[in-house]
Amino acid sequence: MIEYLVYKLITFISLTFPLRFTYWVALRVADLHYLFDRGARERVKKNLRRILGPGAPEARVIYEARWTFRHFGKYLGEFFRFAKFDE
């Protein structure tokens, strides 16, 4: 049920407000997701360690992981705007 309500809220924001505001909200939600979803965060960091190589500094892995979440959040904000194309 909570997932449905979040979906509806994100759709409403994406369709109602300018893209700049949608991005702002998406970045805040992505930061919260990064902060509270330890499993997803660790999986992304593990994948980034493979991509960046074994000698990659942990600070770089953390930075890239956070921005991975943020870019995906912005993508989702844009994705939910596609409902306007049906009009």
N, C-alpha and C. Protein backbone atom coordinates (compact mmCIF):
# COMPACT_ATOMS: atom_id res chain seq x y z
N MET A 1 0.82 -1.19 0.00
CA MET A 1 0.00 0.00 0.00
C MET A 1 0.87 1.27 0.00
N ILE A 2 1.94 1.28 0.80
CA ILE A 2 2.78 2.46 0.88
C ILE A 2 3.45 2.73 -0.47
N GLU A 3 3.84 1.66 -1.17
CA GLU A 3 4.47 1.84 -2.48
C GLU A 3 3.51 2.51 -3.46
N TYR A 4 2.25 2.13 -3.40
CA TYR A 4 1.25 2.71 -4.29
C TYR A 4 1.08 4.20 -4.00
N LEU A 5 1.03 4.56 -2.73
CA LEU A 5 0.87 5.96 -2.36
C LEU A 5 2.08 6.79 -2.78
N VAL A 6 3.26 6.24 -2.63
CA VAL A 6 4.47 6.93 -3.07
C VAL A 6 4.44 7.10 -4.59
N TYR A 7 4.06 6.07 -5.29
CA TYR A 7 3.94 6.14 -6.75
C TYR A 7 2.97 7.25 -7.16
N LYS A 8 1.82 7.31 -6.53
CA LYS A 8 0.83 8.34 -6.85
C LYS A 8 1.37 9.73 -6.53
N LEU A 9 2.06 9.89 -5.43
CA LEU A 9 2.62 11.18 -5.06
C LEU A 9 3.68 11.63 -6.07
N ILE A 10 4.56 10.72 -6.43
CA ILE A 10 5.61 11.05 -7.41
C ILE A 10 4.99 11.41 -8.76
N THR A 11 3.98 10.67 -9.17
CA THR A 11 3.31 10.97 -10.43
C THR A 11 2.68 12.36 -10.37
N PHE A 12 2.01 12.67 -9.28
CA PHE A 12 1.38 13.98 -9.11
C PHE A 12 2.42 15.10 -9.20
N ILE A 13 3.51 14.95 -8.46
CA ILE A 13 4.57 15.97 -8.46
C ILE A 13 5.14 16.13 -9.86
N SER A 14 5.43 15.02 -10.52
CA SER A 14 6.05 15.06 -11.85
C SER A 14 5.15 15.71 -12.89
N LEU A 15 3.85 15.51 -12.77
CA LEU A 15 2.92 16.05 -13.75
C LEU A 15 2.44 17.46 -13.43
N THR A 16 2.59 17.87 -12.20
CA THR A 16 2.03 19.15 -11.76
C THR A 16 3.06 20.26 -11.70
N PHE A 17 4.25 19.94 -11.27
CA PHE A 17 5.25 20.97 -11.02
C PHE A 17 6.30 21.00 -12.13
N PRO A 18 7.03 22.12 -12.22
CA PRO A 18 8.09 22.21 -13.23
C PRO A 18 9.17 21.15 -13.01
N LEU A 19 9.87 20.84 -14.09
CA LEU A 19 10.90 19.80 -14.03
C LEU A 19 11.96 20.12 -12.98
N ARG A 20 12.32 21.37 -12.83
CA ARG A 20 13.34 21.76 -11.85
C ARG A 20 12.92 21.36 -10.43
N PHE A 21 11.65 21.59 -10.08
CA PHE A 21 11.16 21.19 -8.76
C PHE A 21 11.11 19.67 -8.65
N THR A 22 10.69 19.02 -9.73
CA THR A 22 10.65 17.55 -9.74
C THR A 22 12.04 16.99 -9.46
N TYR A 23 13.06 17.58 -10.10
CA TYR A 23 14.44 17.15 -9.84
C TYR A 23 14.81 17.37 -8.39
N TRP A 24 14.43 18.50 -7.83
CA TRP A 24 14.77 18.79 -6.44
C TRP A 24 14.19 17.72 -5.52
N VAL A 25 12.92 17.39 -5.73
CA VAL A 25 12.26 16.36 -4.92
C VAL A 25 12.93 15.01 -5.16
N ALA A 26 13.23 14.69 -6.40
CA ALA A 26 13.86 13.41 -6.74
C ALA A 26 15.21 13.26 -6.04
N LEU A 27 15.98 14.34 -5.98
CA LEU A 27 17.28 14.27 -5.31
C LEU A 27 17.12 14.06 -3.81
N ARG A 28 16.14 14.69 -3.21
CA ARG A 28 15.91 14.51 -1.77
C ARG A 28 15.48 13.07 -1.47
N VAL A 29 14.57 12.54 -2.29
CA VAL A 29 14.10 11.16 -2.10
C VAL A 29 15.25 10.18 -2.33
N ALA A 30 16.07 10.44 -3.35
CA ALA A 30 17.22 9.57 -3.61
C ALA A 30 18.20 9.59 -2.44
N ASP A 31 18.43 10.76 -1.86
CA ASP A 31 19.31 10.84 -0.70
C ASP A 31 18.76 10.04 0.48
N LEU A 32 17.46 10.12 0.69
CA LEU A 32 16.85 9.35 1.77
C LEU A 32 16.95 7.85 1.50
N HIS A 33 16.72 7.47 0.24
CA HIS A 33 16.83 6.06 -0.13
C HIS A 33 18.26 5.57 0.12
N TYR A 34 19.23 6.37 -0.30
CA TYR A 34 20.64 6.02 -0.08
C TYR A 34 20.93 5.88 1.41
N LEU A 35 20.40 6.78 2.19
CA LEU A 35 20.67 6.79 3.63
C LEU A 35 20.05 5.59 4.35
N PHE A 36 18.82 5.24 3.99
CA PHE A 36 18.09 4.25 4.78
C PHE A 36 18.07 2.84 4.19
N ASP A 37 18.37 2.67 2.92
CA ASP A 37 18.35 1.33 2.32
C ASP A 37 19.77 0.79 2.24
N ARG A 38 20.22 0.25 3.34
CA ARG A 38 21.61 -0.22 3.43
C ARG A 38 21.91 -1.31 2.41
N GLY A 39 20.98 -2.22 2.22
CA GLY A 39 21.21 -3.30 1.27
C GLY A 39 21.46 -2.80 -0.14
N ALA A 40 20.60 -1.90 -0.62
CA ALA A 40 20.77 -1.34 -1.96
C ALA A 40 22.06 -0.55 -2.05
N ARG A 41 22.34 0.24 -1.02
CA ARG A 41 23.57 1.05 -0.99
C ARG A 41 24.80 0.18 -1.09
N GLU A 42 24.84 -0.91 -0.33
CA GLU A 42 26.01 -1.80 -0.35
C GLU A 42 26.15 -2.54 -1.67
N ARG A 43 25.02 -2.90 -2.29
CA ARG A 43 25.10 -3.57 -3.59
C ARG A 43 25.66 -2.62 -4.66
N VAL A 44 25.21 -1.38 -4.63
CA VAL A 44 25.74 -0.40 -5.59
C VAL A 44 27.22 -0.18 -5.35
N LYS A 45 27.62 -0.04 -4.10
CA LYS A 45 29.04 0.17 -3.79
C LYS A 45 29.88 -1.04 -4.22
N LYS A 46 29.35 -2.24 -4.03
CA LYS A 46 30.07 -3.44 -4.45
C LYS A 46 30.28 -3.43 -5.97
N ASN A 47 29.23 -3.08 -6.71
CA ASN A 47 29.35 -3.01 -8.17
C ASN A 47 30.34 -1.93 -8.58
N LEU A 48 30.31 -0.80 -7.92
CA LEU A 48 31.23 0.29 -8.27
C LEU A 48 32.68 -0.09 -7.98
N ARG A 49 32.90 -0.85 -6.94
CA ARG A 49 34.28 -1.30 -6.65
C ARG A 49 34.82 -2.15 -7.80
N ARG A 50 33.94 -2.95 -8.40
CA ARG A 50 34.36 -3.75 -9.56
C ARG A 50 34.66 -2.86 -10.76
N ILE A 51 33.82 -1.85 -10.94
CA ILE A 51 33.98 -0.95 -12.08
C ILE A 51 35.22 -0.07 -11.91
N LEU A 52 35.38 0.50 -10.72
CA LEU A 52 36.47 1.44 -10.47
C LEU A 52 37.81 0.75 -10.22
N GLY A 53 37.77 -0.52 -9.93
CA GLY A 53 39.01 -1.27 -9.70
C GLY A 53 39.32 -1.42 -8.22
N PRO A 54 40.15 -2.41 -7.89
CA PRO A 54 40.42 -2.74 -6.49
C PRO A 54 41.13 -1.62 -5.72
N GLY A 55 41.81 -0.73 -6.40
CA GLY A 55 42.54 0.32 -5.71
C GLY A 55 41.76 1.61 -5.54
N ALA A 56 40.47 1.59 -5.89
CA ALA A 56 39.67 2.81 -5.81
C ALA A 56 39.51 3.25 -4.36
N PRO A 57 39.74 4.53 -4.08
CA PRO A 57 39.54 5.03 -2.72
C PRO A 57 38.08 4.91 -2.29
N GLU A 58 37.87 4.57 -1.04
CA GLU A 58 36.50 4.39 -0.53
C GLU A 58 35.69 5.68 -0.66
N ALA A 59 36.33 6.81 -0.52
CA ALA A 59 35.62 8.09 -0.66
C ALA A 59 35.04 8.22 -2.07
N ARG A 60 35.76 7.77 -3.06
CA ARG A 60 35.27 7.83 -4.45
C ARG A 60 34.11 6.86 -4.64
N VAL A 61 34.20 5.68 -4.06
CA VAL A 61 33.11 4.70 -4.16
C VAL A 61 31.85 5.27 -3.53
N ILE A 62 31.97 5.87 -2.37
CA ILE A 62 30.82 6.46 -1.67
C ILE A 62 30.22 7.59 -2.51
N TYR A 63 31.08 8.46 -3.03
CA TYR A 63 30.61 9.58 -3.86
C TYR A 63 29.84 9.07 -5.08
N GLU A 64 30.41 8.12 -5.78
CA GLU A 64 29.78 7.59 -6.98
C GLU A 64 28.48 6.85 -6.65
N ALA A 65 28.46 6.14 -5.53
CA ALA A 65 27.24 5.42 -5.13
C ALA A 65 26.10 6.41 -4.87
N ARG A 66 26.41 7.48 -4.15
CA ARG A 66 25.37 8.47 -3.86
C ARG A 66 24.85 9.08 -5.15
N TRP A 67 25.75 9.39 -6.08
CA TRP A 67 25.29 9.98 -7.34
C TRP A 67 24.59 8.97 -8.23
N THR A 68 24.88 7.71 -8.07
CA THR A 68 24.12 6.69 -8.80
C THR A 68 22.66 6.74 -8.37
N PHE A 69 22.43 6.82 -7.06
CA PHE A 69 21.06 6.93 -6.55
C PHE A 69 20.42 8.22 -7.05
N ARG A 70 21.16 9.32 -7.02
CA ARG A 70 20.61 10.61 -7.42
C ARG A 70 20.26 10.64 -8.91
N HIS A 71 21.12 10.11 -9.75
CA HIS A 71 20.82 10.09 -11.18
C HIS A 71 19.60 9.21 -11.47
N PHE A 72 19.50 8.10 -10.77
CA PHE A 72 18.34 7.24 -10.97
C PHE A 72 17.07 7.95 -10.50
N GLY A 73 17.15 8.69 -9.40
CA GLY A 73 16.01 9.46 -8.93
C GLY A 73 15.55 10.48 -9.96
N LYS A 74 16.50 11.19 -10.57
CA LYS A 74 16.15 12.17 -11.60
C LYS A 74 15.53 11.47 -12.81
N TYR A 75 16.08 10.34 -13.17
CA TYR A 75 15.51 9.56 -14.27
C TYR A 75 14.05 9.20 -13.98
N LEU A 76 13.77 8.76 -12.76
CA LEU A 76 12.39 8.40 -12.42
C LEU A 76 11.47 9.61 -12.47
N GLY A 77 11.97 10.78 -12.03
CA GLY A 77 11.17 11.99 -12.13
C GLY A 77 10.80 12.30 -13.57
N GLU A 78 11.73 12.10 -14.48
CA GLU A 78 11.45 12.30 -15.91
C GLU A 78 10.50 11.22 -16.43
N PHE A 79 10.72 9.99 -16.01
CA PHE A 79 9.90 8.87 -16.47
C PHE A 79 8.43 9.10 -16.15
N PHE A 80 8.13 9.57 -14.95
CA PHE A 80 6.74 9.76 -14.55
C PHE A 80 6.09 10.91 -15.32
N ARG A 81 6.87 11.78 -15.92
CA ARG A 81 6.32 12.87 -16.74
C ARG A 81 5.80 12.34 -18.08
N PHE A 82 6.17 11.13 -18.47
CA PHE A 82 5.74 10.59 -19.76
C PHE A 82 4.23 10.44 -19.86
N ALA A 83 3.55 10.42 -18.74
CA ALA A 83 2.08 10.31 -18.78
C ALA A 83 1.47 11.48 -19.56
N LYS A 84 2.18 12.61 -19.64
CA LYS A 84 1.68 13.77 -20.39
C LYS A 84 1.64 13.50 -21.89
N PHE A 85 2.42 12.57 -22.38
CA PHE A 85 2.48 12.30 -23.81
C PHE A 85 1.18 11.70 -24.33
N ASP A 86 0.35 11.16 -23.46
CA ASP A 86 -0.91 10.56 -23.89
C ASP A 86 -1.97 11.60 -24.23
N GLU A 87 -1.77 12.83 -23.80
CA GLU A 87 -2.78 13.88 -24.00
C GLU A 87 -2.80 14.39 -25.40
